Amino acid sequence: MPCWLDRPAPTTGRLVRHGLRTLVKRGDRAALDLLGFTVTTLDIDGPHVAQVTVPAGGSVRFTATIVNTDDTSARLVIDYVVHHLRADGGHTGRTFKLTTRTLAPGERTEITREHSFRPVSTRRHHPGRHAVSLRINGVESARAVFELAAE
C-alpha cells in the first residue's frame, strides 16, 4: 500500500476518491477495493422501468430493490448505466452516479431514478431499443429494456 495512505492528511480521502472517480465508474476492482467497496452477496430486484415506451424528449423512470443477503455489513457504490442505441444499431453504455450506501445484514434499500432524454448538444438520441442497468460495486445487473419513440 502506498506510504501516503499510512499517515493521511485530513484531505487525503477526498483527494483519493476524486482521483479514482473514473475507475470507480468503470467498475475497476482495485480502485473499488482501495475505497472499501468489496464484492458482497446481494439480492437485486430490478431495475424495472415504469413504461416500456418513452416519448422523444421524455424521461424513463426506473426502480430497484437491493437487499444485503451477506452476514456482514456492505458498503455499496451504486451507479446506473444507460445503454444508448447508436446510429449503427449497436449500443454504448454511459455510467451515471446514483448513491453510496452501507447496508447491514438483511437490510434493504429502494432505488428510484428518472433519466431524461431531452435533446442535448453533446448527444443524439436515436429512436429504438435502449436499456438501463445498475452497477453495484463494479458488478452490473440485468438490463431493463425500453423503447425510445421517434420525434
N, C-alpha and C. Protein backbone atom coordinates (compact mmCIF):
# COMPACT_ATOMS: atom_id res chain seq x y z
N MET A 1 0.85 -1.17 0.00
CA MET A 1 0.00 0.00 0.00
C MET A 1 0.90 1.25 0.00
N PRO A 2 0.50 2.27 -0.72
CA PRO A 2 1.32 3.50 -0.79
C PRO A 2 1.52 4.13 0.58
N CYS A 3 2.70 4.71 0.78
CA CYS A 3 3.03 5.30 2.09
C CYS A 3 2.16 6.50 2.43
N TRP A 4 1.62 7.21 1.43
CA TRP A 4 0.79 8.38 1.73
C TRP A 4 -0.54 7.97 2.34
N LEU A 5 -0.91 6.69 2.27
CA LEU A 5 -2.12 6.24 2.93
C LEU A 5 -1.86 5.79 4.36
N ASP A 6 -0.58 5.58 4.73
CA ASP A 6 -0.24 5.16 6.09
C ASP A 6 -0.53 6.27 7.09
N ARG A 7 -0.22 7.51 6.73
CA ARG A 7 -0.46 8.67 7.60
C ARG A 7 -1.16 9.75 6.77
N PRO A 8 -2.46 9.57 6.47
CA PRO A 8 -3.14 10.52 5.59
C PRO A 8 -3.41 11.87 6.24
N ALA A 9 -3.37 12.89 5.41
CA ALA A 9 -3.79 14.23 5.83
C ALA A 9 -5.32 14.26 5.86
N PRO A 10 -5.92 15.25 6.48
CA PRO A 10 -7.38 15.33 6.53
C PRO A 10 -8.04 15.36 5.15
N THR A 11 -7.35 15.85 4.15
CA THR A 11 -7.92 15.96 2.81
C THR A 11 -7.62 14.75 1.91
N THR A 12 -6.87 13.79 2.40
CA THR A 12 -6.44 12.67 1.57
C THR A 12 -7.62 11.83 1.06
N GLY A 13 -8.57 11.53 1.90
CA GLY A 13 -9.71 10.72 1.49
C GLY A 13 -10.47 11.32 0.32
N ARG A 14 -10.76 12.61 0.42
CA ARG A 14 -11.48 13.30 -0.66
C ARG A 14 -10.64 13.32 -1.93
N LEU A 15 -9.35 13.57 -1.79
CA LEU A 15 -8.45 13.61 -2.95
C LEU A 15 -8.38 12.24 -3.64
N VAL A 16 -8.27 11.17 -2.87
CA VAL A 16 -8.20 9.83 -3.44
C VAL A 16 -9.52 9.47 -4.14
N ARG A 17 -10.66 9.76 -3.51
CA ARG A 17 -11.95 9.49 -4.14
C ARG A 17 -12.09 10.25 -5.45
N HIS A 18 -11.67 11.51 -5.46
CA HIS A 18 -11.75 12.33 -6.67
C HIS A 18 -10.84 11.76 -7.77
N GLY A 19 -9.64 11.36 -7.40
CA GLY A 19 -8.70 10.82 -8.38
C GLY A 19 -9.12 9.48 -8.96
N LEU A 20 -9.91 8.72 -8.20
CA LEU A 20 -10.33 7.39 -8.65
C LEU A 20 -11.72 7.37 -9.27
N ARG A 21 -12.36 8.52 -9.43
CA ARG A 21 -13.76 8.54 -9.84
C ARG A 21 -14.01 7.87 -11.19
N THR A 22 -13.13 8.03 -12.17
CA THR A 22 -13.32 7.40 -13.47
C THR A 22 -13.17 5.89 -13.36
N LEU A 23 -12.18 5.43 -12.61
CA LEU A 23 -12.01 3.99 -12.42
C LEU A 23 -13.19 3.38 -11.68
N VAL A 24 -13.73 4.09 -10.71
CA VAL A 24 -14.89 3.60 -9.96
C VAL A 24 -16.09 3.49 -10.90
N LYS A 25 -16.32 4.49 -11.75
CA LYS A 25 -17.43 4.44 -12.69
C LYS A 25 -17.29 3.28 -13.67
N ARG A 26 -16.06 2.91 -13.99
CA ARG A 26 -15.81 1.78 -14.90
C ARG A 26 -15.88 0.44 -14.18
N GLY A 27 -15.97 0.46 -12.86
CA GLY A 27 -16.05 -0.78 -12.08
C GLY A 27 -14.71 -1.43 -11.84
N ASP A 28 -13.64 -0.65 -11.83
CA ASP A 28 -12.29 -1.19 -11.61
C ASP A 28 -12.20 -1.79 -10.20
N ARG A 29 -11.89 -3.09 -10.14
CA ARG A 29 -11.88 -3.81 -8.87
C ARG A 29 -10.84 -3.26 -7.89
N ALA A 30 -9.63 -2.93 -8.37
CA ALA A 30 -8.59 -2.42 -7.47
C ALA A 30 -8.99 -1.08 -6.86
N ALA A 31 -9.55 -0.19 -7.66
CA ALA A 31 -9.98 1.12 -7.15
C ALA A 31 -11.10 0.97 -6.14
N LEU A 32 -12.07 0.09 -6.43
CA LEU A 32 -13.17 -0.14 -5.50
C LEU A 32 -12.69 -0.75 -4.19
N ASP A 33 -11.76 -1.70 -4.28
CA ASP A 33 -11.20 -2.31 -3.07
C ASP A 33 -10.47 -1.28 -2.22
N LEU A 34 -9.70 -0.39 -2.86
CA LEU A 34 -8.96 0.64 -2.15
C LEU A 34 -9.91 1.55 -1.35
N LEU A 35 -11.09 1.80 -1.91
CA LEU A 35 -12.06 2.67 -1.25
C LEU A 35 -12.98 1.91 -0.30
N GLY A 36 -12.81 0.59 -0.18
CA GLY A 36 -13.59 -0.20 0.76
C GLY A 36 -14.89 -0.74 0.22
N PHE A 37 -15.07 -0.76 -1.09
CA PHE A 37 -16.28 -1.31 -1.71
C PHE A 37 -15.96 -2.70 -2.24
N THR A 38 -16.15 -3.70 -1.39
CA THR A 38 -15.79 -5.07 -1.75
C THR A 38 -16.98 -5.80 -2.36
N VAL A 39 -16.70 -6.92 -2.99
CA VAL A 39 -17.76 -7.76 -3.55
C VAL A 39 -18.53 -8.38 -2.40
N THR A 40 -19.83 -8.34 -2.47
CA THR A 40 -20.68 -8.87 -1.41
C THR A 40 -21.87 -9.58 -2.02
N THR A 41 -22.59 -10.33 -1.23
CA THR A 41 -23.76 -11.07 -1.71
C THR A 41 -24.99 -10.19 -1.56
N LEU A 42 -25.64 -9.91 -2.69
CA LEU A 42 -26.81 -9.05 -2.71
C LEU A 42 -27.94 -9.74 -3.47
N ASP A 43 -29.16 -9.38 -3.13
CA ASP A 43 -30.33 -9.77 -3.90
C ASP A 43 -30.83 -8.49 -4.56
N ILE A 44 -30.77 -8.45 -5.89
CA ILE A 44 -31.15 -7.25 -6.63
C ILE A 44 -32.42 -7.54 -7.41
N ASP A 45 -33.47 -6.81 -7.12
CA ASP A 45 -34.72 -6.92 -7.86
C ASP A 45 -34.85 -5.66 -8.71
N GLY A 46 -34.49 -5.79 -9.97
CA GLY A 46 -34.58 -4.65 -10.87
C GLY A 46 -33.29 -4.45 -11.62
N PRO A 47 -33.20 -3.41 -12.36
CA PRO A 47 -34.15 -2.30 -12.41
C PRO A 47 -35.41 -2.68 -13.20
N HIS A 48 -36.49 -2.00 -12.85
CA HIS A 48 -37.76 -2.14 -13.55
C HIS A 48 -38.13 -0.76 -14.09
N VAL A 49 -38.44 -0.69 -15.38
CA VAL A 49 -38.84 0.59 -15.97
C VAL A 49 -40.34 0.78 -15.78
N ALA A 50 -40.73 2.03 -15.56
CA ALA A 50 -42.14 2.34 -15.32
C ALA A 50 -42.96 2.27 -16.60
N GLN A 51 -42.33 2.54 -17.74
CA GLN A 51 -43.04 2.50 -19.01
C GLN A 51 -42.12 1.86 -20.06
N VAL A 52 -42.70 1.07 -20.95
CA VAL A 52 -41.87 0.40 -21.95
C VAL A 52 -41.60 1.28 -23.15
N THR A 53 -42.38 2.35 -23.32
CA THR A 53 -42.13 3.30 -24.41
C THR A 53 -41.98 4.69 -23.82
N VAL A 54 -40.87 5.33 -24.15
CA VAL A 54 -40.56 6.68 -23.66
C VAL A 54 -40.70 7.64 -24.84
N PRO A 55 -41.49 8.71 -24.71
CA PRO A 55 -41.62 9.66 -25.81
C PRO A 55 -40.31 10.41 -26.05
N ALA A 56 -40.08 10.83 -27.27
CA ALA A 56 -38.89 11.62 -27.61
C ALA A 56 -38.85 12.85 -26.71
N GLY A 57 -37.70 13.11 -26.09
CA GLY A 57 -37.56 14.24 -25.18
C GLY A 57 -38.11 13.98 -23.79
N GLY A 58 -38.65 12.79 -23.57
CA GLY A 58 -39.22 12.43 -22.27
C GLY A 58 -38.18 11.83 -21.33
N SER A 59 -38.67 11.16 -20.30
CA SER A 59 -37.80 10.55 -19.29
C SER A 59 -38.22 9.12 -19.05
N VAL A 60 -37.25 8.30 -18.70
CA VAL A 60 -37.53 6.94 -18.27
C VAL A 60 -37.35 6.89 -16.76
N ARG A 61 -38.31 6.31 -16.08
CA ARG A 61 -38.25 6.17 -14.62
C ARG A 61 -38.03 4.69 -14.31
N PHE A 62 -37.08 4.42 -13.43
CA PHE A 62 -36.83 3.03 -13.06
C PHE A 62 -36.67 2.90 -11.56
N THR A 63 -36.96 1.69 -11.08
CA THR A 63 -36.88 1.39 -9.66
C THR A 63 -36.12 0.07 -9.48
N ALA A 64 -35.59 -0.12 -8.29
CA ALA A 64 -34.92 -1.37 -7.94
C ALA A 64 -34.91 -1.51 -6.43
N THR A 65 -34.83 -2.74 -5.98
CA THR A 65 -34.70 -3.06 -4.56
C THR A 65 -33.43 -3.87 -4.38
N ILE A 66 -32.61 -3.48 -3.43
CA ILE A 66 -31.35 -4.16 -3.16
C ILE A 66 -31.37 -4.62 -1.71
N VAL A 67 -31.08 -5.91 -1.50
CA VAL A 67 -31.07 -6.49 -0.15
C VAL A 67 -29.69 -7.10 0.09
N ASN A 68 -29.09 -6.76 1.23
CA ASN A 68 -27.81 -7.36 1.61
C ASN A 68 -28.10 -8.74 2.21
N THR A 69 -27.77 -9.80 1.48
CA THR A 69 -28.00 -11.17 1.95
C THR A 69 -26.75 -11.76 2.60
N ASP A 70 -25.70 -10.96 2.72
CA ASP A 70 -24.46 -11.40 3.37
C ASP A 70 -24.65 -11.32 4.88
N ASP A 71 -23.72 -11.92 5.63
CA ASP A 71 -23.81 -11.87 7.09
C ASP A 71 -22.98 -10.74 7.70
N THR A 72 -22.43 -9.86 6.85
CA THR A 72 -21.70 -8.69 7.31
C THR A 72 -22.24 -7.45 6.60
N SER A 73 -21.98 -6.28 7.18
CA SER A 73 -22.39 -5.03 6.55
C SER A 73 -21.68 -4.86 5.22
N ALA A 74 -22.35 -4.18 4.31
CA ALA A 74 -21.79 -3.98 2.97
C ALA A 74 -21.80 -2.51 2.60
N ARG A 75 -20.63 -1.99 2.22
CA ARG A 75 -20.54 -0.64 1.68
C ARG A 75 -20.75 -0.76 0.18
N LEU A 76 -21.71 0.01 -0.35
CA LEU A 76 -22.07 -0.11 -1.75
C LEU A 76 -21.91 1.22 -2.47
N VAL A 77 -21.32 1.17 -3.66
CA VAL A 77 -21.36 2.31 -4.58
C VAL A 77 -22.31 1.87 -5.69
N ILE A 78 -23.41 2.60 -5.82
CA ILE A 78 -24.47 2.23 -6.75
C ILE A 78 -24.53 3.27 -7.86
N ASP A 79 -24.28 2.80 -9.08
CA ASP A 79 -24.38 3.64 -10.28
C ASP A 79 -25.43 3.02 -11.18
N TYR A 80 -25.85 3.77 -12.19
CA TYR A 80 -26.71 3.17 -13.21
C TYR A 80 -26.11 3.44 -14.57
N VAL A 81 -26.36 2.51 -15.49
CA VAL A 81 -25.81 2.59 -16.84
C VAL A 81 -26.97 2.65 -17.82
N VAL A 82 -26.97 3.68 -18.67
CA VAL A 82 -27.95 3.76 -19.75
C VAL A 82 -27.25 3.28 -21.01
N HIS A 83 -27.82 2.25 -21.62
CA HIS A 83 -27.26 1.66 -22.83
C HIS A 83 -27.98 2.31 -24.01
N HIS A 84 -27.34 3.36 -24.55
CA HIS A 84 -27.92 4.15 -25.64
C HIS A 84 -27.78 3.41 -26.97
N LEU A 85 -28.81 3.51 -27.79
CA LEU A 85 -28.76 2.96 -29.14
C LEU A 85 -27.92 3.88 -30.01
N ARG A 86 -26.94 3.31 -30.72
CA ARG A 86 -26.10 4.08 -31.63
C ARG A 86 -26.74 4.10 -33.02
N ALA A 87 -26.24 4.96 -33.88
CA ALA A 87 -26.75 5.07 -35.24
C ALA A 87 -26.54 3.78 -36.03
N ASP A 88 -25.47 3.02 -35.72
CA ASP A 88 -25.18 1.78 -36.45
C ASP A 88 -25.94 0.57 -35.90
N GLY A 89 -26.83 0.79 -34.92
CA GLY A 89 -27.63 -0.29 -34.36
C GLY A 89 -27.05 -0.93 -33.12
N GLY A 90 -25.80 -0.62 -32.80
CA GLY A 90 -25.18 -1.13 -31.58
C GLY A 90 -25.59 -0.31 -30.37
N HIS A 91 -25.06 -0.66 -29.24
CA HIS A 91 -25.35 0.08 -28.00
C HIS A 91 -24.05 0.51 -27.34
N THR A 92 -24.10 1.65 -26.68
CA THR A 92 -22.97 2.13 -25.89
C THR A 92 -23.49 2.53 -24.52
N GLY A 93 -22.80 2.09 -23.48
CA GLY A 93 -23.24 2.37 -22.12
C GLY A 93 -22.61 3.64 -21.58
N ARG A 94 -23.40 4.41 -20.88
CA ARG A 94 -22.90 5.61 -20.21
C ARG A 94 -23.29 5.49 -18.74
N THR A 95 -22.29 5.60 -17.86
CA THR A 95 -22.49 5.40 -16.42
C THR A 95 -22.80 6.72 -15.73
N PHE A 96 -23.78 6.69 -14.85
CA PHE A 96 -24.18 7.87 -14.07
C PHE A 96 -24.13 7.50 -12.59
N LYS A 97 -23.65 8.43 -11.78
CA LYS A 97 -23.58 8.22 -10.33
C LYS A 97 -25.00 8.22 -9.76
N LEU A 98 -25.21 7.31 -8.80
CA LEU A 98 -26.51 7.26 -8.14
C LEU A 98 -26.35 7.54 -6.65
N THR A 99 -25.68 6.64 -5.91
CA THR A 99 -25.54 6.85 -4.47
C THR A 99 -24.49 5.90 -3.90
N THR A 100 -24.11 6.14 -2.68
CA THR A 100 -23.33 5.18 -1.90
C THR A 100 -24.14 4.90 -0.64
N ARG A 101 -24.15 3.65 -0.24
CA ARG A 101 -24.92 3.24 0.93
C ARG A 101 -24.15 2.18 1.70
N THR A 102 -24.44 2.06 2.99
CA THR A 102 -23.98 0.94 3.80
C THR A 102 -25.22 0.20 4.26
N LEU A 103 -25.27 -1.09 3.93
CA LEU A 103 -26.42 -1.91 4.31
C LEU A 103 -25.99 -2.95 5.34
N ALA A 104 -26.72 -3.01 6.42
CA ALA A 104 -26.50 -4.04 7.44
C ALA A 104 -26.98 -5.38 6.90
N PRO A 105 -26.58 -6.49 7.50
CA PRO A 105 -27.07 -7.79 7.04
C PRO A 105 -28.61 -7.82 7.05
N GLY A 106 -29.20 -8.23 5.93
CA GLY A 106 -30.65 -8.31 5.81
C GLY A 106 -31.33 -6.99 5.48
N GLU A 107 -30.60 -5.88 5.52
CA GLU A 107 -31.21 -4.57 5.25
C GLU A 107 -31.46 -4.41 3.75
N ARG A 108 -32.50 -3.65 3.44
CA ARG A 108 -32.85 -3.38 2.05
C ARG A 108 -32.89 -1.89 1.78
N THR A 109 -32.69 -1.54 0.52
CA THR A 109 -32.82 -0.15 0.11
C THR A 109 -33.58 -0.11 -1.21
N GLU A 110 -34.39 0.92 -1.36
CA GLU A 110 -35.17 1.12 -2.57
C GLU A 110 -34.51 2.22 -3.40
N ILE A 111 -34.38 1.97 -4.68
CA ILE A 111 -33.77 2.95 -5.60
C ILE A 111 -34.84 3.39 -6.58
N THR A 112 -34.97 4.69 -6.77
CA THR A 112 -35.86 5.27 -7.78
C THR A 112 -35.10 6.38 -8.48
N ARG A 113 -35.13 6.36 -9.79
CA ARG A 113 -34.42 7.40 -10.55
C ARG A 113 -35.18 7.66 -11.84
N GLU A 114 -35.09 8.89 -12.31
CA GLU A 114 -35.65 9.27 -13.59
C GLU A 114 -34.51 9.81 -14.44
N HIS A 115 -34.39 9.28 -15.66
CA HIS A 115 -33.32 9.69 -16.58
C HIS A 115 -33.95 10.38 -17.79
N SER A 116 -33.50 11.59 -18.07
CA SER A 116 -34.08 12.41 -19.14
C SER A 116 -33.45 12.12 -20.50
N PHE A 117 -34.29 12.14 -21.51
CA PHE A 117 -33.84 12.03 -22.90
C PHE A 117 -34.11 13.33 -23.66
N ARG A 118 -34.10 14.44 -22.93
CA ARG A 118 -34.28 15.73 -23.61
C ARG A 118 -33.08 15.98 -24.51
N PRO A 119 -33.28 16.70 -25.60
CA PRO A 119 -32.17 16.95 -26.53
C PRO A 119 -31.04 17.74 -25.86
N VAL A 120 -29.81 17.29 -26.08
CA VAL A 120 -28.62 17.99 -25.60
C VAL A 120 -27.65 18.10 -26.76
N SER A 121 -26.75 19.07 -26.69
CA SER A 121 -25.85 19.32 -27.81
C SER A 121 -24.75 18.27 -27.92
N THR A 122 -24.48 17.51 -26.86
CA THR A 122 -23.37 16.56 -26.88
C THR A 122 -23.78 15.13 -27.22
N ARG A 123 -25.07 14.87 -27.38
CA ARG A 123 -25.52 13.50 -27.66
C ARG A 123 -26.79 13.54 -28.50
N ARG A 124 -26.84 12.66 -29.49
CA ARG A 124 -28.06 12.49 -30.28
C ARG A 124 -28.73 11.21 -29.82
N HIS A 125 -29.99 11.31 -29.45
CA HIS A 125 -30.74 10.14 -29.01
C HIS A 125 -31.45 9.53 -30.21
N HIS A 126 -31.13 8.28 -30.51
CA HIS A 126 -31.73 7.58 -31.64
C HIS A 126 -32.95 6.81 -31.17
N PRO A 127 -34.06 6.90 -31.92
CA PRO A 127 -35.24 6.14 -31.53
C PRO A 127 -34.98 4.64 -31.68
N GLY A 128 -35.58 3.87 -30.79
CA GLY A 128 -35.41 2.42 -30.82
C GLY A 128 -35.18 1.87 -29.43
N ARG A 129 -34.63 0.67 -29.39
CA ARG A 129 -34.46 -0.07 -28.14
C ARG A 129 -33.24 0.41 -27.35
N HIS A 130 -33.47 0.86 -26.12
CA HIS A 130 -32.44 1.27 -25.18
C HIS A 130 -32.58 0.37 -23.95
N ALA A 131 -31.66 0.50 -23.01
CA ALA A 131 -31.75 -0.29 -21.78
C ALA A 131 -31.09 0.47 -20.63
N VAL A 132 -31.42 0.05 -19.43
CA VAL A 132 -30.81 0.60 -18.23
C VAL A 132 -30.46 -0.57 -17.31
N SER A 133 -29.31 -0.44 -16.63
CA SER A 133 -28.89 -1.46 -15.67
C SER A 133 -28.25 -0.76 -14.48
N LEU A 134 -28.08 -1.49 -13.40
CA LEU A 134 -27.37 -0.98 -12.23
C LEU A 134 -25.96 -1.53 -12.23
N ARG A 135 -25.03 -0.78 -11.68
CA ARG A 135 -23.67 -1.27 -11.45
C ARG A 135 -23.39 -1.04 -9.97
N ILE A 136 -23.31 -2.14 -9.21
CA ILE A 136 -23.13 -2.08 -7.77
C ILE A 136 -21.77 -2.69 -7.44
N ASN A 137 -20.90 -1.88 -6.86
CA ASN A 137 -19.52 -2.30 -6.55
C ASN A 137 -18.85 -2.95 -7.76
N GLY A 138 -19.10 -2.38 -8.92
CA GLY A 138 -18.45 -2.82 -10.15
C GLY A 138 -19.13 -3.97 -10.86
N VAL A 139 -20.18 -4.54 -10.28
CA VAL A 139 -20.87 -5.67 -10.89
C VAL A 139 -22.18 -5.17 -11.49
N GLU A 140 -22.37 -5.46 -12.80
CA GLU A 140 -23.55 -4.97 -13.49
C GLU A 140 -24.72 -5.93 -13.35
N SER A 141 -25.91 -5.37 -13.17
CA SER A 141 -27.13 -6.15 -13.03
C SER A 141 -27.69 -6.46 -14.41
N ALA A 142 -28.83 -7.15 -14.40
CA ALA A 142 -29.56 -7.39 -15.65
C ALA A 142 -30.06 -6.05 -16.20
N ARG A 143 -30.35 -6.04 -17.49
CA ARG A 143 -30.83 -4.82 -18.14
C ARG A 143 -32.35 -4.81 -18.22
N ALA A 144 -32.90 -3.62 -18.05
CA ALA A 144 -34.31 -3.39 -18.28
C ALA A 144 -34.42 -2.63 -19.60
N VAL A 145 -35.14 -3.21 -20.54
CA VAL A 145 -35.21 -2.67 -21.90
C VAL A 145 -36.44 -1.78 -22.04
N PHE A 146 -36.29 -0.70 -22.79
CA PHE A 146 -37.40 0.19 -23.12
C PHE A 146 -37.18 0.75 -24.52
N GLU A 147 -38.24 1.28 -25.09
CA GLU A 147 -38.21 1.81 -26.45
C GLU A 147 -38.28 3.33 -26.39
N LEU A 148 -37.37 4.01 -27.08
CA LEU A 148 -37.42 5.46 -27.21
C LEU A 148 -38.14 5.77 -28.51
N ALA A 149 -39.26 6.48 -28.42
CA ALA A 149 -40.08 6.77 -29.59
C ALA A 149 -39.42 7.82 -30.48
N ALA A 150 -39.77 7.78 -31.76
CA ALA A 150 -39.27 8.77 -32.71
C ALA A 150 -39.97 10.10 -32.46
N GLU A 151 -39.32 11.18 -32.89
CA GLU A 151 -39.92 12.53 -32.71
C GLU A 151 -41.10 12.73 -33.60
